[in-house]
Amino acid sequence: MINRRDFIGLSAGAGATLGLSPRLLAALNSVSLPQGPLLQRAIPSSGEMIPVIGLGSSATFATVARADDASALEAVFQTMADRGARVFDTAPSYGASEQVAGNIVNALGMAKKMFWATKMNVVGRGGGSADPTAARAQIEKSFAIFKQPTIDLMQVHNMGDPATQLPIVREFKKAGRVRYVGITTTFPNQYAQLIDVMRNEPLDFIGVDYAADNRDVEDVILPLAIEKRIAVLAYAPFGRTSLFRRVAGEELPAFAKEFDASTWAQFFLKFTLTHPAITAVTPATSQAKNMLDNIGGGIGRLPTAAHRRQIIAFVDALPPLPGR
């Protein structure tokens, strides 16, 4: 793990990588990136442009955030800053992720540049009604962690009592403290409820799981997002079936060069970005090298409709993992 001495001399912004350790610089320099800037897409409800690749904070990020030394995450955020990525998706339920990330971006002077997306969900066991007082308190705690007067996106997490919690988020938006209102789920058994909310509630964002091996949201949810002008954060772009493990030992298909993908991460991320409903993708990582590789998924050409069909055919033909 990178220790804090690796960050002596760091400052936020372009060029800060000059202060990184030789070991980390060598790792970053080994990443092959396409030429050009990180692509951006518009939030439909406002027209604001945001970068298409961001950072999630579950999984490996959350594991490192809980560790005694979470300083490796500083290099991840610094890599984001240096390459123009600024969308960060977190939640109070991701262990120490929100708190540690808040500490880092404020220490590095990056907080004002981030597009900070967090979540709230105080529903009791069994999916009971949310306590409005507890919901407001949870949002206030996120403000205390982020240390900024405005949070860009507040999302109701995993369809947690939207009848109670969405109006509370709108209160914060009306007061000018939250810029965008959203709702999320990565559970297929909640998709029907999400569709109902999308049809009947004013939303700026949804967050859903979407990958080359996990395309169920293409049927109704993503077309409805386009119709309703709702931005989409794509979660779990590396799949529900361990896509990296399934392609272990496989050569990247030759056609990947046609859309500037030189790694499996770029290959899978560029597939996710082929759908016009997707505004940004937020894969989680705790390593700066992987963050840089992910950013490469949002640079250069994207797959065409023909490439998209090739990717789906390739993924569908992969053998399943043993025992699955």
Protein backbone atom coordinates (compact mmCIF):
# COMPACT_ATOMS: atom_id res chain seq x y z
CA MET A 1 0.00 0.00 0.00
CA ILE A 2 1.18 3.54 -0.76
CA ASN A 3 2.22 5.28 2.44
CA ARG A 4 1.87 8.93 3.26
CA ARG A 5 5.48 9.71 2.40
CA ASP A 6 4.53 9.04 -1.23
CA PHE A 7 2.37 12.16 -1.12
CA ILE A 8 4.89 14.69 0.23
CA GLY A 9 4.82 17.70 -2.07
CA LEU A 10 1.50 16.86 -3.67
CA SER A 11 -0.84 19.66 -4.62
CA ALA A 12 -4.19 19.41 -6.34
CA GLY A 13 -4.54 19.97 -10.05
CA ALA A 14 -2.70 19.15 -13.24
CA GLY A 15 0.95 18.31 -12.90
CA ALA A 16 0.65 17.11 -9.32
CA THR A 17 1.83 13.65 -10.36
CA LEU A 18 5.35 15.08 -10.36
CA GLY A 19 5.27 14.67 -6.57
CA LEU A 20 4.42 10.97 -6.65
CA SER A 21 6.90 8.27 -5.73
CA PRO A 22 8.93 6.63 -8.53
CA ARG A 23 7.14 3.36 -7.80
CA LEU A 24 3.71 4.87 -8.32
CA LEU A 25 4.82 6.92 -11.32
CA ALA A 26 6.14 3.75 -12.96
CA ALA A 27 2.79 2.05 -12.39
CA LEU A 28 0.90 4.98 -13.87
CA ASN A 29 3.25 5.25 -16.84
CA SER A 30 2.61 1.61 -17.65
CA VAL A 31 -1.05 2.33 -18.39
CA SER A 32 -1.83 2.73 -22.09
CA LEU A 33 -4.33 5.50 -22.76
CA PRO A 34 -5.97 6.64 -25.98
CA GLN A 35 -5.19 10.12 -27.20
CA GLY A 36 -7.51 12.99 -26.35
CA PRO A 37 -9.53 14.42 -23.47
CA LEU A 38 -11.93 12.58 -21.19
CA LEU A 39 -15.34 12.65 -22.84
CA GLN A 40 -18.23 14.51 -21.21
CA ARG A 41 -21.99 14.17 -21.43
CA ALA A 42 -24.85 16.45 -20.48
CA ILE A 43 -27.16 16.04 -17.51
CA PRO A 44 -30.52 16.17 -19.34
CA SER A 45 -32.39 18.23 -16.73
CA SER A 46 -29.82 21.05 -16.78
CA GLY A 47 -27.44 20.68 -19.70
CA GLU A 48 -24.45 20.66 -17.32
CA MET A 49 -21.57 18.60 -18.69
CA ILE A 50 -19.84 16.00 -16.55
CA PRO A 51 -17.03 13.53 -17.36
CA VAL A 52 -18.24 10.09 -18.41
CA ILE A 53 -15.88 8.16 -16.11
CA GLY A 54 -15.97 8.62 -12.36
CA LEU A 55 -15.22 6.69 -9.21
CA GLY A 56 -17.41 4.51 -7.04
CA SER A 57 -16.65 3.78 -3.40
CA SER A 58 -18.05 0.33 -2.63
CA ALA A 59 -16.10 -2.93 -3.01
CA THR A 60 -12.31 -2.50 -2.98
CA PHE A 61 -12.50 1.24 -2.24
CA ALA A 62 -14.54 0.55 0.88
CA THR A 63 -12.14 -2.17 1.98
CA VAL A 64 -9.15 0.17 1.83
CA ALA A 65 -11.15 3.00 3.44
CA ARG A 66 -11.63 0.77 6.49
CA ALA A 67 -7.90 0.00 6.76
CA ASP A 68 -5.52 1.68 9.20
CA ASP A 69 -3.71 3.28 6.25
CA ALA A 70 -6.10 4.50 3.56
CA SER A 71 -3.57 6.80 1.91
CA ALA A 72 -3.55 4.81 -1.34
CA LEU A 73 -6.91 6.43 -1.99
CA GLU A 74 -5.20 9.83 -2.11
CA ALA A 75 -3.39 8.71 -5.25
CA VAL A 76 -6.71 7.61 -6.75
CA PHE A 77 -8.25 11.05 -6.22
CA GLN A 78 -5.10 12.78 -7.40
CA THR A 79 -5.21 10.72 -10.59
CA MET A 80 -8.82 11.81 -11.10
CA ALA A 81 -7.87 15.45 -10.67
CA ASP A 82 -4.92 15.22 -13.05
CA ARG A 83 -7.00 13.60 -15.80
CA GLY A 84 -10.22 15.63 -15.53
CA ALA A 85 -12.40 13.02 -13.79
CA ARG A 86 -14.50 14.44 -10.96
CA VAL A 87 -17.68 12.36 -10.50
CA PHE A 88 -17.55 10.50 -7.18
CA ASP A 89 -20.37 8.24 -6.00
CA THR A 90 -20.56 7.18 -2.36
CA ALA A 91 -22.99 6.33 0.45
CA PRO A 92 -23.06 6.26 4.26
CA SER A 93 -23.66 2.52 4.03
CA TYR A 94 -20.28 1.93 2.35
CA GLY A 95 -18.45 1.73 5.65
CA ALA A 96 -15.80 4.44 6.01
CA SER A 97 -15.86 5.40 2.31
CA GLU A 98 -17.77 8.67 2.54
CA GLN A 99 -15.83 9.92 5.59
CA VAL A 100 -12.39 8.98 4.27
CA ALA A 101 -13.12 10.40 0.82
CA GLY A 102 -14.37 13.64 2.35
CA ASN A 103 -11.18 13.95 4.36
CA ILE A 104 -9.00 13.33 1.31
CA VAL A 105 -10.66 15.70 -1.14
CA ASN A 106 -10.65 18.51 1.41
CA ALA A 107 -7.01 17.87 2.34
CA LEU A 108 -6.02 17.91 -1.34
CA GLY A 109 -8.08 21.05 -2.06
CA MET A 110 -10.24 19.15 -4.55
CA ALA A 111 -13.64 19.31 -2.89
CA LYS A 112 -14.96 22.31 -4.83
CA LYS A 113 -14.06 20.65 -8.14
CA MET A 114 -15.74 17.31 -7.40
CA PHE A 115 -19.17 16.27 -8.58
CA TRP A 116 -20.13 14.73 -5.25
CA ALA A 117 -22.92 12.14 -5.38
CA THR A 118 -23.96 10.49 -2.15
CA LYS A 119 -27.02 8.67 -0.89
CA MET A 120 -29.46 8.46 1.96
CA ASN A 121 -31.52 5.58 3.27
CA VAL A 122 -32.79 5.28 6.83
CA VAL A 123 -35.46 2.66 6.13
CA GLY A 124 -35.75 0.09 8.92
CA ARG A 125 -35.44 -3.64 8.59
CA GLY A 126 -38.00 -5.23 6.34
CA GLY A 127 -38.31 -2.08 4.23
CA GLY A 128 -40.47 -0.15 6.65
CA SER A 129 -41.15 3.56 6.46
CA ALA A 130 -38.25 5.96 6.80
CA ASP A 131 -38.00 8.24 9.81
CA PRO A 132 -38.00 11.78 8.34
CA THR A 133 -35.98 13.17 11.25
CA ALA A 134 -33.33 10.48 10.83
CA ALA A 135 -33.31 11.02 7.05
CA ARG A 136 -32.62 14.73 7.40
CA ALA A 137 -29.96 14.00 10.01
CA GLN A 138 -28.23 11.59 7.64
CA ILE A 139 -28.12 14.24 4.92
CA GLU A 140 -26.71 16.77 7.38
CA LYS A 141 -24.00 14.30 8.34
CA SER A 142 -23.01 14.03 4.67
CA PHE A 143 -22.69 17.81 4.56
CA ALA A 144 -20.48 17.72 7.64
CA ILE A 145 -18.25 15.12 5.98
CA PHE A 146 -18.01 16.89 2.61
CA LYS A 147 -17.48 20.31 4.24
CA GLN A 148 -19.06 22.15 1.32
CA PRO A 149 -22.25 24.25 1.26
CA THR A 150 -23.74 22.25 -1.62
CA ILE A 151 -23.89 18.56 -2.50
CA ASP A 152 -24.26 17.93 -6.21
CA LEU A 153 -26.42 14.82 -6.12
CA MET A 154 -28.37 13.26 -3.26
CA GLN A 155 -29.85 9.86 -4.10
CA VAL A 156 -32.38 7.70 -2.31
CA HIS A 157 -30.44 4.47 -1.94
CA ASN A 158 -31.89 1.15 -3.12
CA MET A 159 -35.47 2.40 -3.45
CA GLY A 160 -35.66 3.18 0.27
CA ASP A 161 -39.19 4.49 0.91
CA PRO A 162 -39.19 7.03 -1.96
CA ALA A 163 -42.58 8.42 -0.86
CA THR A 164 -40.92 9.72 2.31
CA GLN A 165 -37.32 10.31 1.29
CA LEU A 166 -37.61 11.87 -2.17
CA PRO A 167 -39.64 14.85 -0.85
CA ILE A 168 -36.95 15.38 1.81
CA VAL A 169 -34.23 15.53 -0.83
CA ARG A 170 -36.39 18.00 -2.78
CA GLU A 171 -36.56 20.18 0.33
CA PHE A 172 -32.78 20.39 0.29
CA LYS A 173 -32.81 21.11 -3.44
CA LYS A 174 -35.37 23.90 -3.04
CA ALA A 175 -33.17 25.39 -0.33
CA GLY A 176 -30.22 25.40 -2.73
CA ARG A 177 -28.19 22.88 -0.74
CA VAL A 178 -28.63 19.92 -3.10
CA ARG A 179 -28.35 20.44 -6.85
CA TYR A 180 -29.82 17.20 -8.21
CA VAL A 181 -32.27 14.57 -6.93
CA GLY A 182 -31.85 10.89 -7.69
CA ILE A 183 -32.76 7.33 -6.76
CA THR A 184 -30.83 4.08 -7.16
CA THR A 185 -31.04 0.32 -7.19
CA THR A 186 -28.83 -2.57 -8.23
CA PHE A 187 -31.47 -5.19 -7.39
CA PRO A 188 -33.55 -6.59 -10.28
CA ASN A 189 -36.47 -7.25 -7.94
CA GLN A 190 -36.68 -3.47 -7.41
CA TYR A 191 -36.71 -2.54 -11.10
CA ALA A 192 -40.52 -2.45 -11.31
CA GLN A 193 -40.67 -0.01 -8.40
CA LEU A 194 -37.93 2.10 -9.99
CA ILE A 195 -39.87 2.25 -13.26
CA ASP A 196 -42.95 3.42 -11.38
CA VAL A 197 -40.99 6.18 -9.63
CA MET A 198 -39.38 7.26 -12.92
CA ARG A 199 -42.81 7.57 -14.52
CA ASN A 200 -44.42 9.48 -11.68
CA GLU A 201 -41.77 11.50 -9.84
CA PRO A 202 -39.53 14.35 -11.03
CA LEU A 203 -35.96 13.02 -11.02
CA ASP A 204 -32.63 14.34 -12.23
CA PHE A 205 -30.72 11.05 -11.90
CA ILE A 206 -31.07 7.34 -11.47
CA GLY A 207 -28.27 4.91 -10.61
CA VAL A 208 -28.46 1.33 -11.89
CA ASP A 209 -26.22 -1.65 -12.59
CA TYR A 210 -25.33 -2.08 -16.26
CA ALA A 211 -22.62 -4.10 -18.00
CA ALA A 212 -21.98 -6.22 -21.07
CA ASP A 213 -23.14 -9.30 -19.16
CA ASN A 214 -25.95 -7.53 -17.32
CA ARG A 215 -28.23 -5.79 -19.79
CA ASP A 216 -31.70 -6.11 -18.26
CA VAL A 217 -32.06 -2.33 -17.75
CA GLU A 218 -31.96 -1.91 -21.54
CA ASP A 219 -35.52 -3.24 -21.85
CA VAL A 220 -37.46 -0.45 -20.09
CA ILE A 221 -35.34 1.54 -17.65
CA LEU A 222 -32.77 3.08 -20.00
CA PRO A 223 -35.28 3.98 -22.75
CA LEU A 224 -37.52 5.51 -20.08
CA ALA A 225 -34.59 7.55 -18.78
CA ILE A 226 -34.13 9.01 -22.26
CA GLU A 227 -37.86 9.72 -22.56
CA LYS A 228 -38.04 11.39 -19.15
CA ARG A 229 -34.71 13.22 -19.56
CA ILE A 230 -33.17 11.55 -16.51
CA ALA A 231 -29.40 11.19 -16.22
CA VAL A 232 -28.03 7.70 -15.50
CA LEU A 233 -25.06 6.68 -13.39
CA ALA A 234 -23.99 3.17 -14.38
CA TYR A 235 -22.76 0.95 -11.56
CA ALA A 236 -20.92 -2.40 -11.70
CA PRO A 237 -19.71 -2.01 -15.31
CA PHE A 238 -17.42 -5.02 -14.94
CA GLY A 239 -20.38 -7.29 -14.55
CA ARG A 240 -22.30 -9.53 -12.25
CA THR A 241 -20.47 -12.62 -13.49
CA SER A 242 -16.89 -11.53 -12.72
CA LEU A 243 -16.04 -10.48 -16.26
CA PHE A 244 -12.34 -10.01 -15.46
CA ARG A 245 -12.12 -13.56 -14.18
CA ARG A 246 -14.03 -14.89 -17.15
CA VAL A 247 -11.60 -13.29 -19.63
CA ALA A 248 -8.49 -14.33 -17.70
CA GLY A 249 -6.01 -15.73 -20.21
CA GLU A 250 -8.04 -14.43 -23.16
CA GLU A 251 -6.57 -12.04 -25.72
CA LEU A 252 -8.36 -8.74 -26.17
CA PRO A 253 -10.35 -9.06 -29.42
CA ALA A 254 -8.63 -7.43 -32.39
CA PHE A 255 -11.67 -5.24 -33.08
CA ALA A 256 -11.11 -3.46 -29.74
CA LYS A 257 -8.45 -1.36 -31.47
CA GLU A 258 -11.17 0.08 -33.69
CA PHE A 259 -12.60 1.94 -30.68
CA ASP A 260 -9.32 2.68 -28.88
CA ALA A 261 -9.57 0.04 -26.16
CA SER A 262 -6.23 -1.47 -25.16
CA THR A 263 -7.28 -3.16 -21.88
CA TRP A 264 -10.20 -5.20 -20.66
CA ALA A 265 -11.33 -2.37 -18.37
CA GLN A 266 -11.48 0.04 -21.30
CA PHE A 267 -13.24 -2.60 -23.41
CA PHE A 268 -16.02 -3.11 -20.86
CA LEU A 269 -16.38 0.57 -19.92
CA LYS A 270 -16.64 1.66 -23.54
CA PHE A 271 -19.41 -0.90 -24.04
CA THR A 272 -21.37 0.64 -21.15
CA LEU A 273 -20.93 4.10 -22.67
CA THR A 274 -22.36 2.95 -26.01
CA HIS A 275 -25.87 3.31 -24.62
CA PRO A 276 -27.07 6.89 -25.11
CA ALA A 277 -28.90 6.91 -21.76
CA ILE A 278 -25.68 6.51 -19.77
CA THR A 279 -24.36 9.81 -18.47
CA ALA A 280 -21.40 8.53 -16.45
CA VAL A 281 -19.94 5.24 -15.23
CA THR A 282 -18.55 4.94 -11.70
CA PRO A 283 -16.44 1.78 -11.21
CA ALA A 284 -14.92 1.40 -7.78
CA THR A 285 -11.17 1.01 -7.31
CA SER A 286 -8.56 1.57 -4.62
CA GLN A 287 -5.57 1.77 -6.97
CA ALA A 288 -4.39 4.81 -8.93
CA LYS A 289 -3.23 2.60 -11.80
CA ASN A 290 -6.73 1.13 -12.17
CA MET A 291 -8.28 4.59 -11.91
CA LEU A 292 -6.12 5.77 -14.80
CA ASP A 293 -6.97 2.67 -16.82
CA ASN A 294 -10.68 3.28 -16.18
CA ILE A 295 -10.34 6.88 -17.34
CA GLY A 296 -9.01 5.47 -20.60
CA GLY A 297 -12.45 3.94 -21.10
CA GLY A 298 -13.81 7.45 -21.57
CA ILE A 299 -11.16 8.67 -24.00
CA GLY A 300 -11.08 8.28 -27.77
CA ARG A 301 -13.56 6.51 -29.99
CA LEU A 302 -16.52 4.56 -28.62
CA PRO A 303 -17.85 1.33 -30.10
CA THR A 304 -20.25 1.60 -33.01
CA ALA A 305 -23.56 -0.29 -33.13
CA ALA A 306 -21.74 -3.06 -35.01
CA HIS A 307 -18.99 -3.17 -32.39
CA ARG A 308 -21.62 -3.31 -29.69
CA ARG A 309 -23.11 -6.44 -31.25
CA GLN A 310 -19.62 -7.95 -31.45
CA ILE A 311 -18.97 -7.23 -27.77
CA ILE A 312 -22.27 -8.81 -26.72
CA ALA A 313 -21.59 -11.90 -28.81
CA PHE A 314 -18.09 -12.18 -27.38
CA VAL A 315 -19.27 -11.86 -23.77
CA ASP A 316 -22.22 -14.19 -24.23
CA ALA A 317 -19.84 -16.84 -25.59
CA LEU A 318 -17.47 -16.70 -22.62
CA PRO A 319 -17.51 -19.87 -20.53
CA PRO A 320 -19.06 -19.46 -17.09
CA LEU A 321 -16.88 -19.61 -14.04
CA PRO A 322 -16.56 -23.03 -12.42
CA GLY A 323 -19.42 -23.72 -10.04
CA ARG A 324 -21.72 -21.16 -11.64
